Amino acid sequence: MGARGRSNVVVAVAVPLTPARAVGAPRRGRAAGCATLLLAVLVACGDRGTGAAAQASAPAVVTRDSAGVQIVENSGPRWSGGVPWRIAAAPSLEIGAASGAESDQLYGVQDAIRLEDGTIAIADGGTNRIRIYDRSGRHVRDLGGRGGGPGEFGMLGGIGRAGGRSIAAWDARRKRLTHFDADGRVIREIGVDSRYGLGLVSPAVGWFADGTPVITPGFAARDLLAAASGERRAPEHYLHVRLDGGIDTVAVLRGREEFVIRQGRSLSAPQVPFGRASHGAAGGDAFFGGESDRFEVRQWSPSGELLRVIRAAVEPRPVTPEHVTRYEAEQREAAQRRNRVAAMVSAFAAAAGSEDADLPHRETLPFFDRILVDRTGHLWVKEFGFESEPGRWQVFGPDGGWLGALSTPAGFRVTDIGHDYVLGVDVDSLGVERVRLYALAR
């Protein structure tokens, strides 16, 4: 995979560790094993031509294990000095246009995924439709639409794969999961019981292999109305919607750092500039989540069992005057988008303006701002960055080992990563949205 030869020492030591507690629907627990001490030295064989000196300088991966929870400590990337994976400079496929056929105009893209046969499915939030395109980019059909009937959506909040060619879709407003077969027929609809108390809008943040989503409960007006003015950090719950309509709590992380501002009868809660937040993603049969206070990502099973903790030795980056200037510029550029959102929840939102710039900012940048899992089980963690600069992703193998960094084009929001492609959404200066596919060489 382009990693240079290395000699990695892996030490596994069992120490007491309290497993994460999953709340919600009951689940099977893992029996806690007695503490044992393991010491293993593993020598990884790489490029035969690099020599012993290169192997000795390669970073070590230290693994500790206790009660079935693995902790992976990475001191550096394996790609250092080697040949990493590469993303093509230009897209091999582009869908979306400023004018032309209605099927070529995208608005409010929530998700874009690629199916096993090369078909591209796009969750178009503006029309509440799933737009299907063949591998050449030709529009084939639309699924769904606005409404409450079978296969329709109150708010299309994300799509995922349910097997090779079937599509799973989540209605974030009606809290309903729908599965479509390869021909676009509805084969399953599952509603979530109202007793779970989800918010007005509950977005999907990732998908398991069986086509079930991980969601967050969404905005609860009563919680914000009860919050005191000033800084706060409410917990973020990540919930697995099962095929029987039940819900398991997969993880509970500390949410974003925000500042509650009250102005008369209205209030807002903008994020603290360069504030920390939680991020999550699902893939295969695992959920990954972390808080950007430090470079650490945890892995859970769909039922909420903590399996692994992945850490990387990444130094914090100080916030500079240039960062502040760029942050304020992006806030001004996003003012129209914020105002559109504020109009939708005007009872609880104050117009975001100059008061945001007066909020105290953090002294260091968050460690990351997105997490994704690709189709091969690799974890991608995006370093904090601005929309106007290329995205820098740190990639970890299925074993939690740190491989190295990749860059994606500036302004490109990645939605799906396969063995040989990266798919995502780009928005130009006029607001025209395009879904682009880039080749990925591993």
Protein backbone atom coordinates (compact mmCIF):
# COMPACT_ATOMS: atom_id res chain seq x y z
CA MET A 1 0.00 0.00 0.00
CA GLY A 2 2.97 2.31 -0.33
CA ALA A 3 4.14 1.98 3.29
CA ARG A 4 7.88 1.79 3.57
CA GLY A 5 9.59 -1.11 5.35
CA ARG A 6 9.39 -0.92 9.12
CA SER A 7 9.92 -2.81 12.33
CA ASN A 8 7.01 -2.03 14.60
CA VAL A 9 6.99 -3.14 18.21
CA VAL A 10 3.47 -3.88 19.41
CA VAL A 11 3.07 -4.30 23.13
CA ALA A 12 -0.24 -5.61 24.45
CA VAL A 13 -0.77 -5.11 28.17
CA ALA A 14 -4.05 -5.88 29.95
CA VAL A 15 -4.95 -3.21 32.50
CA PRO A 16 -8.25 -2.48 34.26
CA LEU A 17 -10.53 -0.40 32.06
CA THR A 18 -14.19 0.42 32.57
CA PRO A 19 -16.21 -0.46 29.46
CA ALA A 20 -18.55 2.18 28.02
CA ARG A 21 -22.12 1.87 29.21
CA ALA A 22 -24.77 1.92 26.50
CA VAL A 23 -28.15 3.22 27.53
CA GLY A 24 -31.50 2.72 25.88
CA ALA A 25 -32.73 -0.69 24.76
CA PRO A 26 -31.16 -3.67 26.60
CA ARG A 27 -28.17 -5.32 24.98
CA ARG A 28 -25.94 -8.27 25.63
CA GLY A 29 -22.97 -7.43 27.81
CA ARG A 30 -19.47 -8.77 27.36
CA ALA A 31 -18.12 -10.77 30.24
CA ALA A 32 -15.18 -8.95 31.75
CA GLY A 33 -12.14 -11.15 31.56
CA CYS A 34 -9.66 -11.34 34.37
CA ALA A 35 -6.65 -9.08 34.02
CA THR A 36 -3.81 -10.73 32.22
CA LEU A 37 -0.46 -9.50 31.11
CA LEU A 38 0.53 -9.96 27.49
CA LEU A 39 3.77 -8.97 25.88
CA ALA A 40 4.11 -9.48 22.15
CA VAL A 41 6.74 -8.26 19.77
CA LEU A 42 5.60 -8.17 16.15
CA VAL A 43 7.96 -7.46 13.28
CA ALA A 44 6.18 -6.16 10.17
CA CYS A 45 7.86 -6.93 6.86
CA GLY A 46 7.76 -4.11 4.34
CA ASP A 47 9.91 -3.05 1.41
CA ARG A 48 12.94 -5.36 1.39
CA GLY A 49 15.14 -2.64 -0.03
CA THR A 50 14.79 -0.10 2.79
CA GLY A 51 17.31 -1.77 5.11
CA ALA A 52 17.54 -2.21 8.85
CA ALA A 53 18.15 1.47 9.55
CA ALA A 54 14.88 2.51 7.91
CA GLN A 55 13.02 -0.20 9.81
CA ALA A 56 14.49 0.89 13.12
CA SER A 57 13.37 4.49 12.55
CA ALA A 58 9.76 3.55 11.80
CA PRO A 59 7.23 4.62 14.46
CA ALA A 60 5.99 2.12 17.00
CA VAL A 61 2.37 1.17 17.49
CA VAL A 62 1.67 0.32 21.10
CA THR A 63 -1.47 -1.65 21.87
CA ARG A 64 -2.93 -2.22 25.31
CA ASP A 65 -5.84 -4.55 25.88
CA SER A 66 -8.10 -5.08 28.87
CA ALA A 67 -11.52 -6.69 29.17
CA GLY A 68 -11.80 -6.79 25.40
CA VAL A 69 -11.15 -3.07 24.85
CA GLN A 70 -8.11 -2.39 22.71
CA ILE A 71 -6.18 0.87 23.02
CA VAL A 72 -3.97 1.72 20.04
CA GLU A 73 -1.28 4.37 20.59
CA ASN A 74 0.30 5.68 17.36
CA SER A 75 3.52 7.67 17.67
CA GLY A 76 3.67 8.50 13.97
CA PRO A 77 2.35 7.61 10.49
CA ARG A 78 3.64 4.61 8.56
CA TRP A 79 3.72 6.60 5.32
CA SER A 80 6.42 8.94 6.61
CA GLY A 81 9.07 8.90 3.87
CA GLY A 82 7.10 6.36 1.82
CA VAL A 83 4.59 6.53 -1.04
CA PRO A 84 1.05 7.23 0.23
CA TRP A 85 -2.23 6.72 -1.54
CA ARG A 86 -3.17 9.39 -4.02
CA ILE A 87 -6.38 11.10 -5.10
CA ALA A 88 -6.56 12.20 -8.75
CA ALA A 89 -6.18 15.92 -9.41
CA ALA A 90 -9.31 16.09 -11.60
CA PRO A 91 -12.68 14.36 -11.20
CA SER A 92 -13.50 11.41 -13.45
CA LEU A 93 -17.25 12.09 -13.20
CA GLU A 94 -19.30 15.20 -12.44
CA ILE A 95 -23.06 15.46 -11.90
CA GLY A 96 -24.85 18.80 -11.57
CA ALA A 97 -25.18 22.02 -13.55
CA ALA A 98 -26.31 25.62 -13.20
CA SER A 99 -28.92 25.20 -15.94
CA GLY A 100 -30.40 22.61 -18.24
CA ALA A 101 -32.58 19.63 -17.41
CA GLU A 102 -34.24 19.62 -14.01
CA SER A 103 -32.53 16.33 -13.18
CA ASP A 104 -29.13 18.00 -13.66
CA GLN A 105 -29.80 20.74 -11.09
CA LEU A 106 -29.05 19.80 -7.49
CA TYR A 107 -29.99 21.71 -4.38
CA GLY A 108 -29.36 20.88 -0.74
CA VAL A 109 -27.46 17.63 -1.35
CA GLN A 110 -27.47 15.67 1.90
CA ASP A 111 -25.61 12.58 0.73
CA ALA A 112 -24.10 10.95 -2.33
CA ILE A 113 -23.13 7.27 -2.47
CA ARG A 114 -21.87 4.81 -5.05
CA LEU A 115 -23.43 1.37 -5.37
CA GLU A 116 -21.57 -1.80 -6.29
CA ASP A 117 -22.45 -1.55 -10.00
CA GLY A 118 -21.13 2.02 -10.24
CA THR A 119 -24.55 3.67 -9.96
CA ILE A 120 -24.54 7.02 -8.11
CA ALA A 121 -27.40 7.82 -5.72
CA ILE A 122 -27.82 11.42 -4.54
CA ALA A 123 -30.04 12.55 -1.68
CA ASP A 124 -31.35 15.88 -3.00
CA GLY A 125 -32.75 17.70 0.02
CA GLY A 126 -34.26 20.50 -2.04
CA THR A 127 -36.72 18.13 -3.72
CA ASN A 128 -36.78 15.31 -1.15
CA ARG A 129 -35.83 12.93 -3.94
CA ILE A 130 -33.14 10.31 -4.34
CA ARG A 131 -31.71 10.92 -7.80
CA ILE A 132 -30.16 7.89 -9.51
CA TYR A 133 -27.45 8.18 -12.19
CA ASP A 134 -25.62 5.45 -14.07
CA ARG A 135 -21.84 5.09 -14.02
CA SER A 136 -21.53 7.55 -16.94
CA GLY A 137 -23.52 10.23 -15.08
CA ARG A 138 -26.76 9.82 -17.05
CA HIS A 139 -29.92 10.34 -15.01
CA VAL A 140 -31.89 7.09 -14.69
CA ARG A 141 -34.75 7.68 -12.25
CA ASP A 142 -35.89 9.48 -9.11
CA LEU A 143 -37.10 7.85 -5.91
CA GLY A 144 -39.29 9.42 -3.24
CA GLY A 145 -40.43 13.01 -3.28
CA ARG A 146 -42.13 15.26 -0.78
CA GLY A 147 -45.05 13.67 1.08
CA GLY A 148 -46.09 11.15 3.68
CA GLY A 149 -46.92 8.14 1.52
CA PRO A 150 -44.82 5.01 0.96
CA GLY A 151 -41.36 5.94 -0.26
CA GLU A 152 -41.93 9.67 0.29
CA PHE A 153 -40.20 11.98 2.74
CA GLY A 154 -40.99 14.85 5.04
CA MET A 155 -37.27 15.64 5.14
CA LEU A 156 -34.77 13.42 3.38
CA GLY A 157 -31.94 13.31 5.92
CA GLY A 158 -29.45 10.90 4.36
CA ILE A 159 -28.99 7.71 2.38
CA GLY A 160 -26.83 4.60 2.69
CA ARG A 161 -26.31 1.24 1.11
CA ALA A 162 -28.33 -1.77 2.22
CA GLY A 163 -26.40 -4.53 0.53
CA GLY A 164 -24.84 -4.16 -2.90
CA ARG A 165 -27.51 -2.30 -4.89
CA SER A 166 -30.30 -1.55 -2.42
CA ILE A 167 -30.64 1.95 -0.97
CA ALA A 168 -31.59 2.89 2.59
CA ALA A 169 -33.06 6.34 3.26
CA TRP A 170 -33.78 8.18 6.50
CA ASP A 171 -36.65 10.67 6.93
CA ALA A 172 -35.24 13.06 9.54
CA ARG A 173 -38.61 14.67 10.24
CA ARG A 174 -40.94 11.67 10.27
CA LYS A 175 -38.27 9.40 11.87
CA ARG A 176 -38.82 6.69 9.27
CA LEU A 177 -36.39 4.30 7.60
CA THR A 178 -37.11 3.17 4.02
CA HIS A 179 -35.33 0.52 1.95
CA PHE A 180 -35.55 0.51 -1.86
CA ASP A 181 -34.50 -2.43 -4.03
CA ALA A 182 -32.31 -2.13 -7.12
CA ASP A 183 -35.34 -1.27 -9.27
CA GLY A 184 -36.54 1.49 -6.94
CA ARG A 185 -39.38 -0.45 -5.28
CA VAL A 186 -40.04 0.06 -1.57
CA ILE A 187 -39.24 -3.20 0.18
CA ARG A 188 -39.28 -2.06 3.81
CA GLU A 189 -40.50 0.91 5.87
CA ILE A 190 -39.78 1.19 9.58
CA GLY A 191 -41.06 3.95 11.82
CA VAL A 192 -39.48 4.82 15.16
CA ASP A 193 -41.77 4.76 18.17
CA SER A 194 -42.56 8.29 19.41
CA ARG A 195 -41.75 7.28 22.99
CA TYR A 196 -38.06 7.65 22.22
CA GLY A 197 -38.56 11.42 22.32
CA LEU A 198 -36.55 12.47 19.29
CA GLY A 199 -36.33 16.16 18.38
CA LEU A 200 -38.05 17.98 15.54
CA VAL A 201 -35.30 16.95 13.12
CA SER A 202 -33.03 13.95 13.77
CA PRO A 203 -30.29 13.74 11.14
CA ALA A 204 -28.41 10.60 10.13
CA VAL A 205 -24.64 10.63 10.72
CA GLY A 206 -23.73 7.21 9.31
CA TRP A 207 -24.90 3.78 8.16
CA PHE A 208 -24.20 0.20 9.13
CA ALA A 209 -23.87 -2.55 6.51
CA ASP A 210 -27.46 -3.75 7.01
CA GLY A 211 -28.82 -0.36 5.96
CA THR A 212 -29.66 0.91 9.45
CA PRO A 213 -28.64 4.46 10.40
CA VAL A 214 -26.93 6.09 13.33
CA ILE A 215 -28.77 9.31 14.11
CA THR A 216 -28.57 12.15 16.61
CA PRO A 217 -31.77 13.11 18.48
CA GLY A 218 -31.79 16.60 17.04
CA PHE A 219 -32.73 20.01 18.33
CA ALA A 220 -34.87 20.14 21.48
CA ALA A 221 -36.25 23.64 21.99
CA ARG A 222 -37.03 23.09 25.65
CA ASP A 223 -33.39 22.31 26.46
CA LEU A 224 -32.12 25.48 24.81
CA LEU A 225 -34.85 27.60 26.38
CA ALA A 226 -33.81 26.33 29.80
CA ALA A 227 -30.12 27.04 29.23
CA ALA A 228 -28.51 29.96 31.04
CA SER A 229 -26.69 32.65 29.09
CA GLY A 230 -23.03 31.99 28.52
CA GLU A 231 -20.96 28.98 27.52
CA ARG A 232 -22.37 25.48 27.58
CA ARG A 233 -21.58 22.04 26.19
CA ALA A 234 -24.55 19.69 26.07
CA PRO A 235 -23.96 15.94 25.56
CA GLU A 236 -24.48 14.46 22.09
CA HIS A 237 -26.24 11.09 21.87
CA TYR A 238 -25.61 8.78 18.92
CA LEU A 239 -28.49 6.35 18.39
CA HIS A 240 -28.77 3.20 16.29
CA VAL A 241 -32.17 2.69 14.63
CA ARG A 242 -32.67 -1.09 14.43
CA LEU A 243 -34.65 -2.95 11.76
CA ASP A 244 -37.42 -3.59 14.31
CA GLY A 245 -37.83 0.17 14.91
CA GLY A 246 -36.16 0.11 18.30
CA ILE A 247 -33.25 2.31 19.28
CA ASP A 248 -29.95 1.55 20.99
CA THR A 249 -27.69 4.26 22.34
CA VAL A 250 -24.34 3.57 20.72
CA ALA A 251 -22.36 6.38 22.34
CA VAL A 252 -22.71 9.58 24.33
CA LEU A 253 -20.07 12.22 23.66
CA ARG A 254 -19.58 15.79 24.73
CA GLY A 255 -21.26 17.98 22.11
CA ARG A 256 -20.13 21.26 20.70
CA GLU A 257 -18.96 24.22 22.76
CA GLU A 258 -21.50 26.97 22.21
CA PHE A 259 -22.42 30.34 23.68
CA VAL A 260 -26.06 30.99 24.58
CA ILE A 261 -27.07 34.57 23.74
CA ARG A 262 -30.42 35.97 24.85
CA GLN A 263 -31.85 39.08 23.19
CA GLY A 264 -35.30 39.89 24.50
CA ARG A 265 -37.61 36.99 23.66
CA SER A 266 -35.22 35.42 21.16
CA LEU A 267 -32.00 33.55 21.69
CA SER A 268 -29.25 31.83 19.75
CA ALA A 269 -26.46 29.43 20.56
CA PRO A 270 -23.58 29.94 18.10
CA GLN A 271 -20.56 27.71 18.38
CA VAL A 272 -17.58 29.15 20.23
CA PRO A 273 -14.99 30.17 17.61
CA PHE A 274 -12.58 27.25 17.20
CA GLY A 275 -14.63 25.43 19.83
CA ARG A 276 -14.53 21.70 20.39
CA ALA A 277 -17.29 19.33 19.27
CA SER A 278 -18.11 15.65 18.85
CA HIS A 279 -18.06 13.85 15.50
CA GLY A 280 -19.18 10.38 14.48
CA ALA A 281 -19.43 7.99 11.55
CA ALA A 282 -20.57 4.41 10.96
CA GLY A 283 -19.33 1.80 8.54
CA GLY A 284 -19.59 -1.98 8.27
CA ASP A 285 -20.51 -3.14 11.75
CA ALA A 286 -18.73 -0.40 13.71
CA PHE A 287 -19.38 3.16 14.88
CA PHE A 288 -16.50 5.60 15.35
CA GLY A 289 -16.78 8.75 17.40
CA GLY A 290 -14.55 11.31 19.02
CA GLU A 291 -14.31 14.73 20.58
CA SER A 292 -11.99 17.23 18.95
CA ASP A 293 -10.37 18.18 22.25
CA ARG A 294 -7.64 15.66 21.41
CA PHE A 295 -6.71 13.27 18.63
CA GLU A 296 -8.59 10.24 19.88
CA VAL A 297 -11.32 8.20 18.17
CA ARG A 298 -13.28 5.40 19.84
CA GLN A 299 -14.94 2.43 18.15
CA TRP A 300 -18.21 0.83 19.29
CA SER A 301 -20.39 -2.05 18.14
CA PRO A 302 -23.93 -1.21 16.91
CA SER A 303 -25.29 -2.16 20.36
CA GLY A 304 -22.97 0.27 22.13
CA GLU A 305 -20.10 -1.94 23.24
CA LEU A 306 -16.77 -0.12 23.37
CA LEU A 307 -14.24 -2.10 21.32
CA ARG A 308 -11.24 0.09 20.62
CA VAL A 309 -9.63 3.47 21.34
CA ILE A 310 -7.35 4.91 18.65
CA ARG A 311 -4.90 7.70 19.49
CA ALA A 312 -2.31 9.55 17.42
CA ALA A 313 0.57 11.70 18.59
CA VAL A 314 -0.56 14.96 16.99
CA GLU A 315 0.53 18.24 18.54
CA PRO A 316 -2.06 21.01 19.12
CA ARG A 317 -1.92 23.95 16.71
CA PRO A 318 -2.22 27.50 18.15
CA VAL A 319 -4.88 29.87 16.82
CA THR A 320 -3.10 32.71 14.99
CA PRO A 321 -4.35 36.15 13.92
CA GLU A 322 -4.57 34.77 10.37
CA HIS A 323 -6.90 32.01 11.59
CA VAL A 324 -9.13 34.61 13.25
CA THR A 325 -9.24 36.73 10.09
CA ARG A 326 -10.14 33.74 7.92
CA TYR A 327 -12.75 32.59 10.42
CA GLU A 328 -14.47 35.99 10.42
CA ALA A 329 -14.38 36.10 6.60
CA GLU A 330 -16.06 32.68 6.34
CA GLN A 331 -18.67 33.77 8.87
CA ARG A 332 -19.55 36.77 6.72
CA GLU A 333 -19.70 34.65 3.56
CA ALA A 334 -22.04 32.20 5.31
CA ALA A 335 -24.38 34.92 6.64
CA GLN A 336 -27.05 34.29 4.02
CA ARG A 337 -27.08 30.57 4.76
CA ARG A 338 -27.38 31.23 8.49
CA ASN A 339 -30.23 33.65 7.94
CA ARG A 340 -32.15 31.06 5.89
CA VAL A 341 -31.80 28.57 8.73
CA ALA A 342 -32.77 31.23 11.28
CA ALA A 343 -35.96 31.93 9.33
CA MET A 344 -36.95 28.27 9.70
CA VAL A 345 -36.56 28.34 13.50
CA SER A 346 -37.20 32.04 14.11
CA ALA A 347 -38.78 31.42 17.50
CA PHE A 348 -35.47 30.27 18.88
CA ALA A 349 -32.80 31.88 16.71
CA ALA A 350 -31.42 35.38 16.71
CA ALA A 351 -29.75 36.71 13.59
CA ALA A 352 -26.09 35.78 13.66
CA GLY A 353 -24.04 38.86 13.07
CA SER A 354 -21.37 40.94 14.70
CA GLU A 355 -21.98 39.41 18.14
CA ASP A 356 -20.48 36.14 16.89
CA ALA A 357 -17.19 37.87 16.19
CA ASP A 358 -17.08 39.16 19.79
CA LEU A 359 -17.19 35.69 21.31
CA PRO A 360 -13.99 34.57 23.00
CA HIS A 361 -12.14 32.08 20.83
CA ARG A 362 -10.10 29.07 21.88
CA GLU A 363 -6.32 29.35 22.00
CA THR A 364 -5.71 26.19 19.95
CA LEU A 365 -7.48 24.72 16.93
CA PRO A 366 -9.72 21.66 17.28
CA PHE A 367 -7.83 18.50 16.35
CA PHE A 368 -10.41 17.41 13.73
CA ASP A 369 -13.80 18.35 12.31
CA ARG A 370 -15.02 15.20 10.49
CA ILE A 371 -14.79 11.40 10.66
CA LEU A 372 -15.58 8.92 7.87
CA VAL A 373 -15.25 5.17 7.39
CA ASP A 374 -14.49 3.89 3.90
CA ARG A 375 -15.81 0.72 2.27
CA THR A 376 -12.67 -1.22 3.23
CA GLY A 377 -12.86 -0.42 6.93
CA HIS A 378 -10.26 2.36 6.97
CA LEU A 379 -10.89 5.33 9.23
CA TRP A 380 -10.48 8.83 7.77
CA VAL A 381 -10.13 11.74 10.22
CA LYS A 382 -10.14 15.25 8.76
CA GLU A 383 -7.99 17.82 10.46
CA PHE A 384 -9.70 21.11 11.31
CA GLY A 385 -9.61 23.42 8.31
CA PHE A 386 -11.38 26.19 6.43
CA GLU A 387 -13.65 25.72 3.42
CA SER A 388 -11.25 27.72 1.25
CA GLU A 389 -8.32 25.35 1.79
CA PRO A 390 -7.77 21.70 0.80
CA GLY A 391 -9.01 19.13 3.25
CA ARG A 392 -6.26 17.19 5.02
CA TRP A 393 -7.24 13.68 6.16
CA GLN A 394 -5.33 11.34 8.43
CA VAL A 395 -5.99 7.70 7.48
CA PHE A 396 -5.96 4.71 9.85
CA GLY A 397 -6.06 1.04 8.92
CA PRO A 398 -8.72 -1.43 10.07
CA ASP A 399 -6.35 -2.38 12.92
CA GLY A 400 -6.17 1.24 14.13
CA GLY A 401 -2.65 1.77 12.81
CA TRP A 402 -1.90 5.29 11.55
CA LEU A 403 -1.05 5.22 7.84
CA GLY A 404 -0.64 8.88 6.90
CA ALA A 405 -2.24 11.91 5.28
CA LEU A 406 -4.22 12.59 2.10
CA SER A 407 -5.59 15.85 0.73
CA THR A 408 -8.92 16.54 -0.97
CA PRO A 409 -9.82 19.63 -3.05
CA ALA A 410 -10.78 22.85 -1.27
CA GLY A 411 -14.50 23.13 -0.63
CA PHE A 412 -15.08 19.46 -1.44
CA ARG A 413 -17.33 17.68 1.12
CA VAL A 414 -16.55 13.97 1.03
CA THR A 415 -19.59 11.68 1.39
CA ASP A 416 -18.41 8.21 0.32
CA ILE A 417 -15.02 6.50 -0.05
CA GLY A 418 -14.52 3.18 -1.81
CA HIS A 419 -11.52 1.07 -2.68
CA ASP A 420 -10.71 3.14 -5.76
CA TYR A 421 -12.79 6.31 -5.50
CA VAL A 422 -13.68 9.33 -3.38
CA LEU A 423 -17.17 10.81 -3.89
CA GLY A 424 -18.45 14.11 -2.59
CA VAL A 425 -20.12 17.47 -3.14
CA ASP A 426 -18.69 20.76 -4.33
CA VAL A 427 -20.48 24.13 -4.23
CA ASP A 428 -19.16 26.98 -6.39
CA SER A 429 -19.27 30.70 -5.66
CA LEU A 430 -22.73 30.97 -7.27
CA GLY A 431 -24.16 28.24 -5.07
CA VAL A 432 -24.28 25.61 -7.84
CA GLU A 433 -23.87 22.13 -6.36
CA ARG A 434 -22.04 19.35 -8.15
CA VAL A 435 -21.35 15.77 -7.12
CA ARG A 436 -17.84 14.73 -8.17
CA LEU A 437 -16.08 11.39 -8.31
CA TYR A 438 -12.28 11.23 -7.98
CA ALA A 439 -10.11 8.18 -8.59
CA LEU A 440 -8.22 6.89 -5.55
CA ALA A 441 -4.98 4.95 -6.01
CA ARG A 442 -3.98 2.81 -3.03
